[in-house]
Structure formats: structure tokens, C-alpha cells
N, C-alpha and C. Protein backbone atom coordinates (compact mmCIF):
# COMPACT_ATOMS: atom_id res chain seq x y z
N MET A 1 8.01 -4.71 -38.94
CA MET A 1 6.78 -5.04 -38.25
C MET A 1 6.82 -4.42 -36.85
N ALA A 2 5.75 -3.79 -36.45
CA ALA A 2 5.70 -3.12 -35.15
C ALA A 2 5.50 -4.12 -34.01
N VAL A 3 6.12 -3.80 -32.89
CA VAL A 3 5.96 -4.62 -31.69
C VAL A 3 4.68 -4.20 -30.98
N VAL A 4 3.85 -5.14 -30.64
CA VAL A 4 2.62 -4.85 -29.89
C VAL A 4 2.93 -5.03 -28.42
N PRO A 5 2.79 -3.97 -27.61
CA PRO A 5 3.11 -4.09 -26.18
C PRO A 5 2.19 -5.09 -25.48
N VAL A 6 2.76 -5.77 -24.50
CA VAL A 6 2.03 -6.75 -23.70
C VAL A 6 1.35 -6.02 -22.54
N ASN A 7 0.10 -6.38 -22.25
CA ASN A 7 -0.60 -5.80 -21.11
C ASN A 7 0.01 -6.31 -19.81
N THR A 8 0.01 -5.46 -18.79
CA THR A 8 0.56 -5.82 -17.48
C THR A 8 -0.45 -5.52 -16.38
N THR A 9 -0.20 -6.13 -15.22
CA THR A 9 -1.00 -5.83 -14.03
C THR A 9 -0.04 -5.60 -12.87
N VAL A 10 -0.44 -4.70 -11.97
CA VAL A 10 0.31 -4.47 -10.73
C VAL A 10 -0.61 -4.88 -9.59
N THR A 11 -0.12 -5.79 -8.76
CA THR A 11 -0.88 -6.26 -7.60
C THR A 11 -0.21 -5.74 -6.34
N VAL A 12 -0.97 -5.11 -5.47
CA VAL A 12 -0.43 -4.56 -4.22
C VAL A 12 -1.20 -5.12 -3.03
N LEU A 13 -0.52 -5.17 -1.90
CA LEU A 13 -1.12 -5.66 -0.66
C LEU A 13 -1.30 -4.49 0.30
N PRO A 14 -2.23 -4.59 1.25
CA PRO A 14 -2.39 -3.52 2.23
C PRO A 14 -1.09 -3.24 2.98
N ALA A 15 -0.90 -1.98 3.37
CA ALA A 15 0.29 -1.56 4.12
C ALA A 15 -0.15 -0.69 5.29
N GLN A 16 0.81 -0.42 6.19
CA GLN A 16 0.52 0.39 7.38
C GLN A 16 1.49 1.56 7.51
N ILE A 17 0.95 2.67 7.99
CA ILE A 17 1.77 3.78 8.47
C ILE A 17 1.82 3.59 9.98
N ARG A 18 3.03 3.60 10.54
CA ARG A 18 3.18 3.38 11.98
C ARG A 18 3.78 4.62 12.65
N LEU A 19 3.31 4.92 13.84
CA LEU A 19 3.87 5.99 14.65
C LEU A 19 5.10 5.47 15.36
N ARG A 20 6.20 6.25 15.30
CA ARG A 20 7.43 5.88 15.99
C ARG A 20 7.46 6.51 17.37
N LEU A 21 8.29 5.98 18.23
CA LEU A 21 8.44 6.52 19.58
C LEU A 21 8.87 7.99 19.57
N ASN A 22 9.62 8.40 18.53
CA ASN A 22 10.10 9.78 18.45
C ASN A 22 9.07 10.73 17.84
N GLY A 23 7.85 10.23 17.54
CA GLY A 23 6.78 11.08 17.02
C GLY A 23 6.71 11.18 15.50
N THR A 24 7.65 10.56 14.79
CA THR A 24 7.60 10.57 13.32
C THR A 24 6.78 9.37 12.84
N PHE A 25 6.47 9.36 11.57
CA PHE A 25 5.70 8.28 10.98
C PHE A 25 6.54 7.54 9.95
N ILE A 26 6.36 6.22 9.90
CA ILE A 26 7.08 5.38 8.94
C ILE A 26 6.13 4.36 8.32
N ILE A 27 6.53 3.85 7.18
CA ILE A 27 5.90 2.67 6.59
C ILE A 27 6.99 1.60 6.62
N PRO A 28 6.81 0.54 7.42
CA PRO A 28 7.88 -0.46 7.54
C PRO A 28 8.30 -1.06 6.20
N ALA A 29 7.36 -1.35 5.32
CA ALA A 29 7.68 -1.90 4.00
C ALA A 29 6.40 -1.96 3.18
N MET A 30 6.57 -1.91 1.88
CA MET A 30 5.45 -2.14 0.97
C MET A 30 6.00 -2.76 -0.30
N SER A 31 5.16 -3.55 -0.95
CA SER A 31 5.63 -4.20 -2.18
C SER A 31 4.51 -4.29 -3.19
N ALA A 32 4.92 -4.49 -4.44
CA ALA A 32 3.98 -4.66 -5.53
C ALA A 32 4.53 -5.71 -6.48
N THR A 33 3.66 -6.46 -7.10
CA THR A 33 4.06 -7.49 -8.06
C THR A 33 3.61 -7.09 -9.45
N LEU A 34 4.57 -7.08 -10.38
CA LEU A 34 4.30 -6.74 -11.77
C LEU A 34 4.33 -8.01 -12.60
N ARG A 35 3.22 -8.26 -13.30
CA ARG A 35 3.12 -9.46 -14.14
C ARG A 35 2.48 -9.09 -15.47
N THR A 36 2.72 -9.94 -16.46
CA THR A 36 2.01 -9.78 -17.72
C THR A 36 0.56 -10.22 -17.50
N SER A 37 -0.31 -9.88 -18.42
CA SER A 37 -1.71 -10.30 -18.28
C SER A 37 -1.82 -11.83 -18.30
N GLY A 38 -0.80 -12.50 -18.83
CA GLY A 38 -0.77 -13.96 -18.83
C GLY A 38 -0.21 -14.56 -17.55
N GLY A 39 0.27 -13.69 -16.63
CA GLY A 39 0.76 -14.15 -15.33
C GLY A 39 2.26 -14.29 -15.20
N ALA A 40 3.02 -14.00 -16.26
CA ALA A 40 4.48 -14.11 -16.19
C ALA A 40 5.06 -12.91 -15.45
N PRO A 41 6.04 -13.12 -14.55
CA PRO A 41 6.65 -11.99 -13.85
C PRO A 41 7.43 -11.11 -14.81
N VAL A 42 7.44 -9.82 -14.53
CA VAL A 42 8.20 -8.86 -15.34
C VAL A 42 9.33 -8.33 -14.45
N ALA A 43 10.56 -8.71 -14.76
CA ALA A 43 11.72 -8.35 -13.94
C ALA A 43 12.43 -7.11 -14.48
N GLY A 44 13.15 -6.44 -13.55
CA GLY A 44 14.01 -5.33 -13.93
C GLY A 44 13.29 -4.05 -14.32
N GLN A 45 12.08 -3.86 -13.85
CA GLN A 45 11.30 -2.68 -14.22
C GLN A 45 10.98 -1.82 -12.98
N PRO A 46 10.91 -0.49 -13.15
CA PRO A 46 10.63 0.38 -12.01
C PRO A 46 9.14 0.42 -11.65
N VAL A 47 8.87 0.45 -10.36
CA VAL A 47 7.51 0.64 -9.85
C VAL A 47 7.58 1.79 -8.85
N THR A 48 6.73 2.78 -9.03
CA THR A 48 6.72 3.96 -8.17
C THR A 48 5.54 3.89 -7.20
N PHE A 49 5.82 4.18 -5.94
CA PHE A 49 4.81 4.11 -4.88
C PHE A 49 4.44 5.53 -4.44
N ARG A 50 3.15 5.75 -4.19
CA ARG A 50 2.70 7.04 -3.65
C ARG A 50 1.50 6.82 -2.75
N ALA A 51 1.47 7.60 -1.66
CA ALA A 51 0.32 7.59 -0.76
C ALA A 51 -0.72 8.54 -1.32
N ASN A 52 -1.97 8.16 -1.26
CA ASN A 52 -3.06 8.99 -1.78
C ASN A 52 -3.70 9.75 -0.62
N ALA A 53 -3.04 10.83 -0.19
CA ALA A 53 -3.47 11.62 0.96
C ALA A 53 -4.53 12.64 0.56
N LEU A 54 -5.24 13.18 1.56
CA LEU A 54 -6.24 14.20 1.29
C LEU A 54 -5.62 15.46 0.68
N THR A 55 -4.36 15.72 1.01
CA THR A 55 -3.66 16.89 0.49
C THR A 55 -3.09 16.66 -0.91
N GLY A 56 -3.23 15.46 -1.42
CA GLY A 56 -2.70 15.11 -2.74
C GLY A 56 -1.73 13.95 -2.63
N PRO A 57 -1.22 13.47 -3.76
CA PRO A 57 -0.31 12.32 -3.73
C PRO A 57 1.01 12.66 -3.04
N ILE A 58 1.50 11.73 -2.25
CA ILE A 58 2.79 11.88 -1.56
C ILE A 58 3.73 10.82 -2.11
N PRO A 59 4.79 11.22 -2.83
CA PRO A 59 5.74 10.24 -3.36
C PRO A 59 6.45 9.51 -2.21
N LEU A 60 6.53 8.19 -2.32
CA LEU A 60 7.19 7.38 -1.30
C LEU A 60 8.50 6.79 -1.80
N GLY A 61 8.62 6.58 -3.10
CA GLY A 61 9.85 6.03 -3.65
C GLY A 61 9.59 5.11 -4.82
N THR A 62 10.68 4.65 -5.41
CA THR A 62 10.63 3.75 -6.55
C THR A 62 11.52 2.55 -6.27
N ALA A 63 11.06 1.37 -6.65
CA ALA A 63 11.84 0.14 -6.50
C ALA A 63 11.79 -0.61 -7.83
N VAL A 64 12.80 -1.43 -8.08
CA VAL A 64 12.90 -2.21 -9.31
C VAL A 64 12.45 -3.65 -9.03
N THR A 65 11.70 -4.20 -9.95
CA THR A 65 11.20 -5.57 -9.77
C THR A 65 12.33 -6.58 -9.84
N ASP A 66 12.22 -7.63 -9.02
CA ASP A 66 13.21 -8.71 -9.02
C ASP A 66 12.79 -9.79 -10.03
N ALA A 67 13.44 -10.92 -10.00
CA ALA A 67 13.17 -12.00 -10.95
C ALA A 67 11.74 -12.53 -10.84
N SER A 68 11.12 -12.36 -9.67
CA SER A 68 9.74 -12.80 -9.46
C SER A 68 8.73 -11.70 -9.80
N GLY A 69 9.23 -10.54 -10.26
CA GLY A 69 8.34 -9.44 -10.59
C GLY A 69 7.93 -8.60 -9.39
N VAL A 70 8.60 -8.79 -8.25
CA VAL A 70 8.24 -8.08 -7.02
C VAL A 70 9.16 -6.88 -6.81
N ALA A 71 8.55 -5.72 -6.60
CA ALA A 71 9.28 -4.50 -6.24
C ALA A 71 8.98 -4.22 -4.77
N THR A 72 10.03 -4.15 -3.94
CA THR A 72 9.85 -3.93 -2.52
C THR A 72 10.47 -2.60 -2.13
N LEU A 73 9.68 -1.78 -1.48
CA LEU A 73 10.16 -0.49 -1.00
C LEU A 73 10.32 -0.62 0.51
N ALA A 74 11.57 -0.69 0.97
CA ALA A 74 11.85 -0.86 2.40
C ALA A 74 13.25 -0.39 2.73
N PRO A 75 13.52 0.90 2.61
CA PRO A 75 14.89 1.37 2.86
C PRO A 75 15.11 1.80 4.29
N PRO A 76 15.57 1.09 5.18
CA PRO A 76 15.02 0.11 6.11
C PRO A 76 13.57 0.39 6.48
N ARG A 77 13.19 1.61 6.55
CA ARG A 77 11.79 1.97 6.75
C ARG A 77 11.58 3.28 6.00
N ILE A 78 10.38 3.49 5.52
CA ILE A 78 10.09 4.68 4.73
C ILE A 78 9.53 5.75 5.66
N THR A 79 10.25 6.86 5.82
CA THR A 79 9.76 7.96 6.64
C THR A 79 8.78 8.77 5.81
N VAL A 80 7.64 9.10 6.40
CA VAL A 80 6.61 9.85 5.67
C VAL A 80 6.22 11.10 6.44
N PRO A 81 5.75 12.14 5.75
CA PRO A 81 5.31 13.34 6.45
C PRO A 81 4.02 13.09 7.21
N PRO A 82 3.74 13.91 8.23
CA PRO A 82 2.51 13.73 9.01
C PRO A 82 1.24 13.77 8.16
N THR A 83 1.24 14.48 7.04
CA THR A 83 0.05 14.54 6.20
C THR A 83 -0.29 13.18 5.59
N ALA A 84 0.67 12.26 5.60
CA ALA A 84 0.42 10.92 5.03
C ALA A 84 -0.63 10.16 5.82
N VAL A 85 -0.85 10.51 7.09
CA VAL A 85 -1.84 9.77 7.88
C VAL A 85 -3.26 9.98 7.35
N THR A 86 -3.46 10.97 6.47
CA THR A 86 -4.77 11.16 5.86
C THR A 86 -5.00 10.24 4.68
N ALA A 87 -3.97 9.49 4.30
CA ALA A 87 -4.10 8.59 3.14
C ALA A 87 -4.80 7.30 3.55
N ALA A 88 -5.86 6.97 2.85
CA ALA A 88 -6.57 5.71 3.09
C ALA A 88 -6.08 4.62 2.15
N THR A 89 -5.35 5.04 1.08
CA THR A 89 -4.84 4.08 0.11
C THR A 89 -3.47 4.52 -0.38
N TYR A 90 -2.79 3.58 -1.05
CA TYR A 90 -1.57 3.92 -1.77
C TYR A 90 -1.63 3.25 -3.13
N THR A 91 -0.86 3.79 -4.06
CA THR A 91 -0.85 3.28 -5.43
C THR A 91 0.58 2.94 -5.84
N ALA A 92 0.73 1.82 -6.51
CA ALA A 92 2.01 1.43 -7.12
C ALA A 92 1.80 1.46 -8.62
N SER A 93 2.68 2.19 -9.33
CA SER A 93 2.51 2.38 -10.77
C SER A 93 3.74 1.95 -11.55
N PHE A 94 3.49 1.27 -12.65
CA PHE A 94 4.52 0.90 -13.62
C PHE A 94 4.32 1.79 -14.83
N PRO A 95 5.35 2.56 -15.26
CA PRO A 95 5.16 3.52 -16.34
C PRO A 95 5.04 2.92 -17.74
N GLY A 96 5.41 1.65 -17.89
CA GLY A 96 5.37 1.02 -19.20
C GLY A 96 6.69 1.18 -19.95
N THR A 97 6.85 0.40 -20.99
CA THR A 97 8.01 0.43 -21.87
C THR A 97 7.49 0.19 -23.29
N PRO A 98 8.36 0.22 -24.29
CA PRO A 98 7.87 -0.12 -25.64
C PRO A 98 7.32 -1.54 -25.73
N CYS A 99 7.77 -2.43 -24.82
CA CYS A 99 7.31 -3.83 -24.85
C CYS A 99 6.15 -4.12 -23.91
N TYR A 100 5.98 -3.28 -22.87
CA TYR A 100 4.96 -3.53 -21.85
C TYR A 100 4.09 -2.30 -21.65
N ASN A 101 2.77 -2.50 -21.60
CA ASN A 101 1.85 -1.39 -21.33
C ASN A 101 1.92 -0.99 -19.86
N PRO A 102 1.67 0.29 -19.56
CA PRO A 102 1.68 0.74 -18.17
C PRO A 102 0.50 0.14 -17.40
N SER A 103 0.65 0.08 -16.07
CA SER A 103 -0.44 -0.38 -15.22
C SER A 103 -0.19 0.12 -13.81
N SER A 104 -1.22 0.02 -12.98
CA SER A 104 -1.08 0.42 -11.58
C SER A 104 -2.08 -0.35 -10.74
N GLY A 105 -1.81 -0.37 -9.45
CA GLY A 105 -2.71 -1.03 -8.50
C GLY A 105 -2.79 -0.20 -7.24
N THR A 106 -3.92 -0.28 -6.56
CA THR A 106 -4.14 0.49 -5.34
C THR A 106 -4.58 -0.45 -4.23
N ALA A 107 -4.09 -0.17 -3.01
CA ALA A 107 -4.44 -1.00 -1.85
C ALA A 107 -4.64 -0.10 -0.63
N PRO A 108 -5.27 -0.62 0.41
CA PRO A 108 -5.48 0.15 1.63
C PRO A 108 -4.16 0.50 2.32
N LEU A 109 -4.14 1.68 2.94
CA LEU A 109 -3.02 2.15 3.74
C LEU A 109 -3.60 2.61 5.07
N THR A 110 -3.32 1.86 6.12
CA THR A 110 -3.91 2.10 7.44
C THR A 110 -2.89 2.72 8.37
N THR A 111 -3.31 3.72 9.14
CA THR A 111 -2.43 4.33 10.14
C THR A 111 -2.64 3.63 11.48
N VAL A 112 -1.53 3.19 12.09
CA VAL A 112 -1.57 2.51 13.39
C VAL A 112 -0.75 3.36 14.36
N TYR A 113 -1.43 3.91 15.38
CA TYR A 113 -0.78 4.78 16.35
C TYR A 113 -0.19 4.03 17.54
N PHE A 114 -0.87 2.95 17.97
CA PHE A 114 -0.42 2.23 19.15
C PHE A 114 -0.34 0.75 18.86
N PRO A 115 0.64 0.04 19.35
CA PRO A 115 1.78 0.61 20.09
C PRO A 115 2.77 1.27 19.14
N PRO A 116 3.45 2.34 19.57
CA PRO A 116 4.47 2.95 18.71
C PRO A 116 5.63 1.99 18.49
N VAL A 117 6.31 2.16 17.38
CA VAL A 117 7.46 1.32 17.05
C VAL A 117 8.75 2.11 17.28
N PRO A 118 9.89 1.43 17.50
CA PRO A 118 11.14 2.15 17.73
C PRO A 118 11.58 2.95 16.52
């Protein structure tokens, strides 16, 4: 008998790109929550983050979901190229498995220039 994959959802919260004192840009942290369509957390799965810039998608990294289904990307801070400031949104994507259908979520990504962060 074939396994029918379970539908999933990825929920993301708004994030910020911040200007550093040295002139580079960082994202202090971003996270996404992976759950089944019934609301159960999905642990141990990869979620890939990308900024949706005018120049095209900018890969930010991949994190694995914890027991609560939360994948947090914060290696202490994510350094991004200057072109990332053109991104108004970012997307977190789960590629799916034989047991879980793929899903993704998009949230606002705001650039904050002042005050600069260390």
C-alpha cells in the first residue's frame, strides 16, 4: 500500500537586514515553523531561506527544524551582499520527503540603516 504524503505549511515572521558599523549588511536572525496541515510540528527537516531581491533570489542558508518544528537561521548573524537590500521579502522552503509534501512561506524583509549595529 502506498504512503500518502501529509500536507505541510511553513510559517515565517518578518525579518530585518541591518547595516553594520563596518558598512556590511547582516540579518540578525530569521526563523520558520514547519507544521503538518493538522498543526503538528515536523522535526528534523531542512528549511532553506532565500532573500527575494530585484537581482534574483539570494541564498541565505539552511537550518533543521527542532522538536517544535522551528528552523532558526542565526549563525551568529547572517552576512548578506549589498544587493540584498533590494529584497522586500524572503522565502523559507521545505523541499518535502516521501512522507511530507513540500511547502514554503514568504514574509517581509525590511532594510534598517540607522542606527547601525556593531
